[in-house]
Amino acid sequence: MNDPLLELFAVIVDRREQPQESSYTCKLFAGGDNKILKKIGEESAEVVMACKDDDPDAIASEVADLFYHTLVALAYHHVDLQMVYDKLAQRR
């Protein structure tokens, strides 16, 4: 089974390990926590507003952005996505 989050996380980790100058992900890494966490805050607010507007397409789009920026934060802090999956499984 393909897992889009795991696949995206692998690309993000690859960007961390092999930076590419034109990569948005690499620009986030270069900005460190301040840039990454600011984006997570912005995307979180956009998810809230999309939900408030009850717009399914916008909600899906904004949650995708939030997931991406959260994965960047995980990779920046060397936290493997599998650890998150394990925590979710423990809480199930």
PDB file of N, CA and C in Angstrom:
ATOM      1  N   MET A   1       0.847  -1.187   0.000  1.00  0.00           N
ATOM      2  CA  MET A   1       0.000   0.000   0.000  1.00  0.00           C
ATOM      3  C   MET A   1       0.887   1.244   0.000  1.00  0.00           C
ATOM      4  N   ASN A   2       0.603   2.169  -0.893  1.00  0.00           N
ATOM      5  CA  ASN A   2       1.344   3.424  -0.930  1.00  0.00           C
ATOM      6  C   ASN A   2       0.833   4.351   0.159  1.00  0.00           C
ATOM      7  N   ASP A   3       1.754   5.013   0.804  1.00  0.00           N
ATOM      8  CA  ASP A   3       1.402   5.976   1.843  1.00  0.00           C
ATOM      9  C   ASP A   3       1.928   7.335   1.403  1.00  0.00           C
ATOM     10  N   PRO A   4       1.039   8.227   0.959  1.00  0.00           N
ATOM     11  CA  PRO A   4       1.493   9.524   0.452  1.00  0.00           C
ATOM     12  C   PRO A   4       2.300  10.325   1.470  1.00  0.00           C
ATOM     13  N   LEU A   5       1.941  10.225   2.750  1.00  0.00           N
ATOM     14  CA  LEU A   5       2.700  10.970   3.756  1.00  0.00           C
ATOM     15  C   LEU A   5       4.112  10.419   3.892  1.00  0.00           C
ATOM     16  N   LEU A   6       4.248   9.088   3.901  1.00  0.00           N
ATOM     17  CA  LEU A   6       5.591   8.499   3.978  1.00  0.00           C
ATOM     18  C   LEU A   6       6.415   8.846   2.744  1.00  0.00           C
ATOM     19  N   GLU A   7       5.771   8.822   1.583  1.00  0.00           N
ATOM     20  CA  GLU A   7       6.484   9.165   0.352  1.00  0.00           C
ATOM     21  C   GLU A   7       6.929  10.625   0.366  1.00  0.00           C
ATOM     22  N   LEU A   8       6.056  11.522   0.778  1.00  0.00           N
ATOM     23  CA  LEU A   8       6.410  12.935   0.864  1.00  0.00           C
ATOM     24  C   LEU A   8       7.501  13.153   1.904  1.00  0.00           C
ATOM     25  N   PHE A   9       7.388  12.477   3.040  1.00  0.00           N
ATOM     26  CA  PHE A   9       8.402  12.611   4.088  1.00  0.00           C
ATOM     27  C   PHE A   9       9.770  12.167   3.572  1.00  0.00           C
ATOM     28  N   ALA A  10       9.808  11.103   2.794  1.00  0.00           N
ATOM     29  CA  ALA A  10      11.078  10.632   2.227  1.00  0.00           C
ATOM     30  C   ALA A  10      11.698  11.694   1.319  1.00  0.00           C
ATOM     31  N   VAL A  11      10.872  12.386   0.533  1.00  0.00           N
ATOM     32  CA  VAL A  11      11.380  13.455  -0.331  1.00  0.00           C
ATOM     33  C   VAL A  11      11.922  14.603   0.530  1.00  0.00           C
ATOM     34  N   ILE A  12      11.197  14.960   1.573  1.00  0.00           N
ATOM     35  CA  ILE A  12      11.625  16.045   2.459  1.00  0.00           C
ATOM     36  C   ILE A  12      12.957  15.708   3.120  1.00  0.00           C
ATOM     37  N   VAL A  13      13.092  14.489   3.623  1.00  0.00           N
ATOM     38  CA  VAL A  13      14.355  14.063   4.240  1.00  0.00           C
ATOM     39  C   VAL A  13      15.479  14.092   3.210  1.00  0.00           C
ATOM     40  N   ASP A  14      15.188  13.675   1.988  1.00  0.00           N
ATOM     41  CA  ASP A  14      16.194  13.720   0.930  1.00  0.00           C
ATOM     42  C   ASP A  14      16.649  15.159   0.683  1.00  0.00           C
ATOM     43  N   ARG A  15      15.726  16.098   0.707  1.00  0.00           N
ATOM     44  CA  ARG A  15      16.090  17.513   0.527  1.00  0.00           C
ATOM     45  C   ARG A  15      16.968  17.993   1.681  1.00  0.00           C
ATOM     46  N   ARG A  16      16.674  17.500   2.869  1.00  0.00           N
ATOM     47  CA  ARG A  16      17.500  17.864   4.026  1.00  0.00           C
ATOM     48  C   ARG A  16      18.922  17.341   3.842  1.00  0.00           C
ATOM     49  N   GLU A  17      19.037  16.116   3.361  1.00  0.00           N
ATOM     50  CA  GLU A  17      20.348  15.473   3.219  1.00  0.00           C
ATOM     51  C   GLU A  17      21.091  15.903   1.960  1.00  0.00           C
ATOM     52  N   GLN A  18      20.351  16.232   0.915  1.00  0.00           N
ATOM     53  CA  GLN A  18      20.946  16.632  -0.364  1.00  0.00           C
ATOM     54  C   GLN A  18      20.259  17.903  -0.850  1.00  0.00           C
ATOM     55  N   PRO A  19      20.605  19.026  -0.243  1.00  0.00           N
ATOM     56  CA  PRO A  19      19.922  20.285  -0.568  1.00  0.00           C
ATOM     57  C   PRO A  19      20.012  20.638  -2.050  1.00  0.00           C
ATOM     58  N   GLN A  20      18.932  21.218  -2.526  1.00  0.00           N
ATOM     59  CA  GLN A  20      18.867  21.733  -3.893  1.00  0.00           C
ATOM     60  C   GLN A  20      18.485  23.206  -3.788  1.00  0.00           C
ATOM     61  N   GLU A  21      19.281  24.044  -4.410  1.00  0.00           N
ATOM     62  CA  GLU A  21      19.141  25.491  -4.249  1.00  0.00           C
ATOM     63  C   GLU A  21      17.744  26.010  -4.557  1.00  0.00           C
ATOM     64  N   SER A  22      17.094  25.447  -5.545  1.00  0.00           N
ATOM     65  CA  SER A  22      15.786  25.961  -5.967  1.00  0.00           C
ATOM     66  C   SER A  22      14.618  25.363  -5.177  1.00  0.00           C
ATOM     67  N   SER A  23      14.890  24.478  -4.242  1.00  0.00           N
ATOM     68  CA  SER A  23      13.846  23.766  -3.511  1.00  0.00           C
ATOM     69  C   SER A  23      13.233  24.627  -2.402  1.00  0.00           C
ATOM     70  N   TYR A  24      11.898  24.726  -2.411  1.00  0.00           N
ATOM     71  CA  TYR A  24      11.187  25.435  -1.346  1.00  0.00           C
ATOM     72  C   TYR A  24      11.457  24.763   0.001  1.00  0.00           C
ATOM     73  N   THR A  25      11.489  23.450   0.017  1.00  0.00           N
ATOM     74  CA  THR A  25      11.770  22.714   1.248  1.00  0.00           C
ATOM     75  C   THR A  25      13.127  23.109   1.811  1.00  0.00           C
ATOM     76  N   CYS A  26      14.120  23.223   0.952  1.00  0.00           N
ATOM     77  CA  CYS A  26      15.464  23.613   1.403  1.00  0.00           C
ATOM     78  C   CYS A  26      15.477  25.038   1.941  1.00  0.00           C
ATOM     79  N   LYS A  27      14.669  25.901   1.355  1.00  0.00           N
ATOM     80  CA  LYS A  27      14.571  27.276   1.865  1.00  0.00           C
ATOM     81  C   LYS A  27      13.957  27.279   3.268  1.00  0.00           C
ATOM     82  N   LEU A  28      12.991  26.398   3.492  1.00  0.00           N
ATOM     83  CA  LEU A  28      12.425  26.279   4.840  1.00  0.00           C
ATOM     84  C   LEU A  28      13.486  25.793   5.823  1.00  0.00           C
ATOM     85  N   PHE A  29      14.219  24.757   5.436  1.00  0.00           N
ATOM     86  CA  PHE A  29      15.284  24.255   6.313  1.00  0.00           C
ATOM     87  C   PHE A  29      16.299  25.347   6.628  1.00  0.00           C
ATOM     88  N   ALA A  30      16.661  26.128   5.618  1.00  0.00           N
ATOM     89  CA  ALA A  30      17.652  27.192   5.807  1.00  0.00           C
ATOM     90  C   ALA A  30      17.134  28.251   6.784  1.00  0.00           C
ATOM     91  N   GLY A  31      15.826  28.463   6.800  1.00  0.00           N
ATOM     92  CA  GLY A  31      15.232  29.439   7.709  1.00  0.00           C
ATOM     93  C   GLY A  31      15.088  28.935   9.127  1.00  0.00           C
ATOM     94  N   GLY A  32      15.270  27.625   9.303  1.00  0.00           N
ATOM     95  CA  GLY A  32      15.217  27.031  10.641  1.00  0.00           C
ATOM     96  C   GLY A  32      13.829  27.066  11.261  1.00  0.00           C
ATOM     97  N   ASP A  33      13.824  26.872  12.569  1.00  0.00           N
ATOM     98  CA  ASP A  33      12.558  26.813  13.307  1.00  0.00           C
ATOM     99  C   ASP A  33      11.692  28.048  13.080  1.00  0.00           C
ATOM    100  N   ASN A  34      12.290  29.227  13.077  1.00  0.00           N
ATOM    101  CA  ASN A  34      11.482  30.440  12.928  1.00  0.00           C
ATOM    102  C   ASN A  34      10.645  30.392  11.662  1.00  0.00           C
ATOM    103  N   LYS A  35      11.248  30.053  10.558  1.00  0.00           N
ATOM    104  CA  LYS A  35      10.523  30.024   9.278  1.00  0.00           C
ATOM    105  C   LYS A  35       9.533  28.857   9.230  1.00  0.00           C
ATOM    106  N   ILE A  36       9.977  27.683   9.661  1.00  0.00           N
ATOM    107  CA  ILE A  36       9.126  26.493   9.601  1.00  0.00           C
ATOM    108  C   ILE A  36       7.910  26.646  10.517  1.00  0.00           C
ATOM    109  N   LEU A  37       8.143  27.073  11.747  1.00  0.00           N
ATOM    110  CA  LEU A  37       7.050  27.186  12.707  1.00  0.00           C
ATOM    111  C   LEU A  37       6.092  28.314  12.337  1.00  0.00           C
ATOM    112  N   LYS A  38       6.602  29.385  11.752  1.00  0.00           N
ATOM    113  CA  LYS A  38       5.735  30.460  11.277  1.00  0.00           C
ATOM    114  C   LYS A  38       4.782  29.920  10.221  1.00  0.00           C
ATOM    115  N   LYS A  39       5.297  29.102   9.303  1.00  0.00           N
ATOM    116  CA  LYS A  39       4.455  28.517   8.260  1.00  0.00           C
ATOM    117  C   LYS A  39       3.406  27.587   8.862  1.00  0.00           C
ATOM    118  N   ILE A  40       3.782  26.807   9.869  1.00  0.00           N
ATOM    119  CA  ILE A  40       2.802  25.924  10.509  1.00  0.00           C
ATOM    120  C   ILE A  40       1.685  26.758  11.136  1.00  0.00           C
ATOM    121  N   GLY A  41       2.042  27.849  11.793  1.00  0.00           N
ATOM    122  CA  GLY A  41       1.033  28.730  12.378  1.00  0.00           C
ATOM    123  C   GLY A  41       0.109  29.311  11.322  1.00  0.00           C
ATOM    124  N   GLU A  42       0.687  29.780  10.216  1.00  0.00           N
ATOM    125  CA  GLU A  42      -0.125  30.346   9.135  1.00  0.00           C
ATOM    126  C   GLU A  42      -1.061  29.301   8.544  1.00  0.00           C
ATOM    127  N   GLU A  43      -0.524  28.118   8.295  1.00  0.00           N
ATOM    128  CA  GLU A  43      -1.351  27.063   7.689  1.00  0.00           C
ATOM    129  C   GLU A  43      -2.444  26.604   8.648  1.00  0.00           C
ATOM    130  N   SER A  44      -2.147  26.553   9.934  1.00  0.00           N
ATOM    131  CA  SER A  44      -3.165  26.177  10.927  1.00  0.00           C
ATOM    132  C   SER A  44      -4.330  27.156  10.892  1.00  0.00           C
ATOM    133  N   ALA A  45      -4.009  28.444  10.837  1.00  0.00           N
ATOM    134  CA  ALA A  45      -5.058  29.462  10.776  1.00  0.00           C
ATOM    135  C   ALA A  45      -5.880  29.311   9.496  1.00  0.00           C
ATOM    136  N   GLU A  46      -5.222  28.976   8.394  1.00  0.00           N
ATOM    137  CA  GLU A  46      -5.941  28.801   7.133  1.00  0.00           C
ATOM    138  C   GLU A  46      -6.857  27.579   7.170  1.00  0.00           C
ATOM    139  N   VAL A  47      -6.444  26.523   7.884  1.00  0.00           N
ATOM    140  CA  VAL A  47      -7.325  25.361   8.064  1.00  0.00           C
ATOM    141  C   VAL A  47      -8.572  25.777   8.844  1.00  0.00           C
ATOM    142  N   VAL A  48      -8.357  26.526   9.909  1.00  0.00           N
ATOM    143  CA  VAL A  48      -9.478  26.987  10.727  1.00  0.00           C
ATOM    144  C   VAL A  48     -10.457  27.798   9.884  1.00  0.00           C
ATOM    145  N   MET A  49      -9.934  28.726   9.091  1.00  0.00           N
ATOM    146  CA  MET A  49     -10.812  29.576   8.278  1.00  0.00           C
ATOM    147  C   MET A  49     -11.543  28.777   7.203  1.00  0.00           C
ATOM    148  N   ALA A  50     -10.869  27.820   6.592  1.00  0.00           N
ATOM    149  CA  ALA A  50     -11.522  26.980   5.585  1.00  0.00           C
ATOM    150  C   ALA A  50     -12.645  26.160   6.224  1.00  0.00           C
ATOM    151  N   CYS A  51     -12.407  25.663   7.430  1.00  0.00           N
ATOM    152  CA  CYS A  51     -13.448  24.910   8.139  1.00  0.00           C
ATOM    153  C   CYS A  51     -14.610  25.834   8.489  1.00  0.00           C
ATOM    154  N   LYS A  52     -14.286  27.031   8.945  1.00  0.00           N
ATOM    155  CA  LYS A  52     -15.334  27.989   9.290  1.00  0.00           C
ATOM    156  C   LYS A  52     -16.193  28.316   8.069  1.00  0.00           C
ATOM    157  N   ASP A  53     -15.567  28.370   6.896  1.00  0.00           N
ATOM    158  CA  ASP A  53     -16.300  28.638   5.655  1.00  0.00           C
ATOM    159  C   ASP A  53     -17.001  27.391   5.114  1.00  0.00           C
ATOM    160  N   ASP A  54     -16.755  26.239   5.755  1.00  0.00           N
ATOM    161  CA  ASP A  54     -17.371  24.970   5.345  1.00  0.00           C
ATOM    162  C   ASP A  54     -17.127  24.680   3.864  1.00  0.00           C
ATOM    163  N   ASP A  55     -15.865  24.839   3.456  1.00  0.00           N
ATOM    164  CA  ASP A  55     -15.467  24.663   2.062  1.00  0.00           C
ATOM    165  C   ASP A  55     -14.594  23.412   1.951  1.00  0.00           C
ATOM    166  N   PRO A  56     -15.172  22.261   1.601  1.00  0.00           N
ATOM    167  CA  PRO A  56     -14.423  21.002   1.592  1.00  0.00           C
ATOM    168  C   PRO A  56     -13.143  21.036   0.761  1.00  0.00           C
ATOM    169  N   ASP A  57     -13.181  21.652  -0.423  1.00  0.00           N
ATOM    170  CA  ASP A  57     -11.986  21.701  -1.256  1.00  0.00           C
ATOM    171  C   ASP A  57     -10.890  22.536  -0.592  1.00  0.00           C
ATOM    172  N   ALA A  58     -11.261  23.682  -0.040  1.00  0.00           N
ATOM    173  CA  ALA A  58     -10.294  24.535   0.649  1.00  0.00           C
ATOM    174  C   ALA A  58      -9.765  23.844   1.902  1.00  0.00           C
ATOM    175  N   ILE A  59     -10.634  23.143   2.612  1.00  0.00           N
ATOM    176  CA  ILE A  59     -10.195  22.417   3.815  1.00  0.00           C
ATOM    177  C   ILE A  59      -9.137  21.390   3.431  1.00  0.00           C
ATOM    178  N   ALA A  60      -9.412  20.595   2.411  1.00  0.00           N
ATOM    179  CA  ALA A  60      -8.457  19.568   1.977  1.00  0.00           C
ATOM    180  C   ALA A  60      -7.139  20.206   1.552  1.00  0.00           C
ATOM    181  N   SER A  61      -7.214  21.299   0.826  1.00  0.00           N
ATOM    182  CA  SER A  61      -6.011  21.984   0.354  1.00  0.00           C
ATOM    183  C   SER A  61      -5.191  22.536   1.513  1.00  0.00           C
ATOM    184  N   GLU A  62      -5.850  23.176   2.448  1.00  0.00           N
ATOM    185  CA  GLU A  62      -5.136  23.768   3.583  1.00  0.00           C
ATOM    186  C   GLU A  62      -4.578  22.700   4.522  1.00  0.00           C
ATOM    187  N   VAL A  63      -5.300  21.604   4.708  1.00  0.00           N
ATOM    188  CA  VAL A  63      -4.781  20.514   5.532  1.00  0.00           C
ATOM    189  C   VAL A  63      -3.565  19.887   4.854  1.00  0.00           C
ATOM    190  N   ALA A  64      -3.591  19.763   3.537  1.00  0.00           N
ATOM    191  CA  ALA A  64      -2.420  19.251   2.809  1.00  0.00           C
ATOM    192  C   ALA A  64      -1.214  20.157   3.056  1.00  0.00           C
ATOM    193  N   ASP A  65      -1.419  21.473   3.008  1.00  0.00           N
ATOM    194  CA  ASP A  65      -0.323  22.411   3.289  1.00  0.00           C
ATOM    195  C   ASP A  65       0.173  22.263   4.721  1.00  0.00           C
ATOM    196  N   LEU A  66      -0.762  22.107   5.653  1.00  0.00           N
ATOM    197  CA  LEU A  66      -0.380  21.943   7.060  1.00  0.00           C
ATOM    198  C   LEU A  66       0.401  20.648   7.257  1.00  0.00           C
ATOM    199  N   PHE A  67      -0.070  19.563   6.643  1.00  0.00           N
ATOM    200  CA  PHE A  67       0.661  18.291   6.734  1.00  0.00           C
ATOM    201  C   PHE A  67       2.088  18.464   6.209  1.00  0.00           C
ATOM    202  N   TYR A  68       2.224  19.086   5.037  1.00  0.00           N
ATOM    203  CA  TYR A  68       3.552  19.268   4.438  1.00  0.00           C
ATOM    204  C   TYR A  68       4.481  20.035   5.385  1.00  0.00           C
ATOM    205  N   HIS A  69       4.027  21.164   5.891  1.00  0.00           N
ATOM    206  CA  HIS A  69       4.893  21.975   6.746  1.00  0.00           C
ATOM    207  C   HIS A  69       5.203  21.260   8.065  1.00  0.00           C
ATOM    208  N   THR A  70       4.263  20.471   8.559  1.00  0.00           N
ATOM    209  CA  THR A  70       4.509  19.678   9.761  1.00  0.00           C
ATOM    210  C   THR A  70       5.555  18.600   9.484  1.00  0.00           C
ATOM    211  N   LEU A  71       5.494  17.977   8.320  1.00  0.00           N
ATOM    212  CA  LEU A  71       6.512  16.992   7.941  1.00  0.00           C
ATOM    213  C   LEU A  71       7.890  17.645   7.839  1.00  0.00           C
ATOM    214  N   VAL A  72       7.945  18.862   7.345  1.00  0.00           N
ATOM    215  CA  VAL A  72       9.223  19.584   7.290  1.00  0.00           C
ATOM    216  C   VAL A  72       9.755  19.783   8.710  1.00  0.00           C
ATOM    217  N   ALA A  73       8.889  20.164   9.641  1.00  0.00           N
ATOM    218  CA  ALA A  73       9.312  20.342  11.035  1.00  0.00           C
ATOM    219  C   ALA A  73       9.827  19.029  11.619  1.00  0.00           C
ATOM    220  N   LEU A  74       9.128  17.932  11.343  1.00  0.00           N
ATOM    221  CA  LEU A  74       9.590  16.627  11.828  1.00  0.00           C
ATOM    222  C   LEU A  74      10.982  16.322  11.285  1.00  0.00           C
ATOM    223  N   ALA A  75      11.171  16.501   9.993  1.00  0.00           N
ATOM    224  CA  ALA A  75      12.466  16.211   9.372  1.00  0.00           C
ATOM    225  C   ALA A  75      13.546  17.133   9.917  1.00  0.00           C
ATOM    226  N   TYR A  76      13.224  18.400  10.113  1.00  0.00           N
ATOM    227  CA  TYR A  76      14.192  19.360  10.638  1.00  0.00           C
ATOM    228  C   TYR A  76      14.705  18.919  12.008  1.00  0.00           C
ATOM    229  N   HIS A  77      13.802  18.351  12.803  1.00  0.00           N
ATOM    230  CA  HIS A  77      14.161  17.906  14.154  1.00  0.00           C
ATOM    231  C   HIS A  77      14.526  16.423  14.214  1.00  0.00           C
ATOM    232  N   HIS A  78      14.684  15.805  13.047  1.00  0.00           N
ATOM    233  CA  HIS A  78      15.090  14.399  12.945  1.00  0.00           C
ATOM    234  C   HIS A  78      14.136  13.466  13.706  1.00  0.00           C
ATOM    235  N   VAL A  79      12.861  13.744  13.575  1.00  0.00           N
ATOM    236  CA  VAL A  79      11.822  12.882  14.143  1.00  0.00           C
ATOM    237  C   VAL A  79      11.202  12.123  12.972  1.00  0.00           C
ATOM    238  N   ASP A  80      11.333  10.820  12.987  1.00  0.00           N
ATOM    239  CA  ASP A  80      10.822  10.014  11.879  1.00  0.00           C
ATOM    240  C   ASP A  80       9.296   9.962  11.925  1.00  0.00           C
ATOM    241  N   LEU A  81       8.677  10.023  10.765  1.00  0.00           N
ATOM    242  CA  LEU A  81       7.221   9.963  10.677  1.00  0.00           C
ATOM    243  C   LEU A  81       6.686   8.677  11.295  1.00  0.00           C
ATOM    244  N   GLN A  82       7.432   7.606  11.216  1.00  0.00           N
ATOM    245  CA  GLN A  82       6.984   6.341  11.815  1.00  0.00           C
ATOM    246  C   GLN A  82       6.760   6.491  13.317  1.00  0.00           C
ATOM    247  N   MET A  83       7.531   7.361  13.973  1.00  0.00           N
ATOM    248  CA  MET A  83       7.317   7.606  15.407  1.00  0.00           C
ATOM    249  C   MET A  83       5.921   8.191  15.645  1.00  0.00           C
ATOM    250  N   VAL A  84       5.488   9.063  14.754  1.00  0.00           N
ATOM    251  CA  VAL A  84       4.150   9.650  14.868  1.00  0.00           C
ATOM    252  C   VAL A  84       3.106   8.559  14.659  1.00  0.00           C
ATOM    253  N   TYR A  85       3.310   7.732  13.638  1.00  0.00           N
ATOM    254  CA  TYR A  85       2.383   6.626  13.397  1.00  0.00           C
ATOM    255  C   TYR A  85       2.314   5.695  14.607  1.00  0.00           C
ATOM    256  N   ASP A  86       3.454   5.419  15.209  1.00  0.00           N
ATOM    257  CA  ASP A  86       3.480   4.548  16.396  1.00  0.00           C
ATOM    258  C   ASP A  86       2.702   5.174  17.548  1.00  0.00           C
ATOM    259  N   LYS A  87       2.850   6.485  17.750  1.00  0.00           N
ATOM    260  CA  LYS A  87       2.101   7.170  18.819  1.00  0.00           C
ATOM    261  C   LYS A  87       0.600   7.078  18.554  1.00  0.00           C
ATOM    262  N   LEU A  88       0.219   7.279  17.294  1.00  0.00           N
ATOM    263  CA  LEU A  88      -1.207   7.163  16.960  1.00  0.00           C
ATOM    264  C   LEU A  88      -1.725   5.751  17.215  1.00  0.00           C
ATOM    265  N   ALA A  89      -0.931   4.753  16.855  1.00  0.00           N
ATOM    266  CA  ALA A  89      -1.334   3.359  17.074  1.00  0.00           C
ATOM    267  C   ALA A  89      -1.477   3.047  18.563  1.00  0.00           C
ATOM    268  N   GLN A  90      -0.590   3.603  19.376  1.00  0.00           N
ATOM    269  CA  GLN A  90      -0.662   3.391  20.821  1.00  0.00           C
ATOM    270  C   GLN A  90      -1.946   3.988  21.410  1.00  0.00           C
ATOM    271  N   ARG A  91      -2.421   5.048  20.815  1.00  0.00           N
ATOM    272  CA  ARG A  91      -3.602   5.752  21.343  1.00  0.00           C
ATOM    273  C   ARG A  91      -4.903   5.175  20.830  1.00  0.00           C
ATOM    274  N   ARG A  92      -4.803   4.282  19.893  1.00  0.00           N
ATOM    275  CA  ARG A  92      -5.989   3.728  19.256  1.00  0.00           C
ATOM    276  C   ARG A  92      -6.760   2.816  20.171  1.00  0.00           C
TER     277      ARG A  92
END
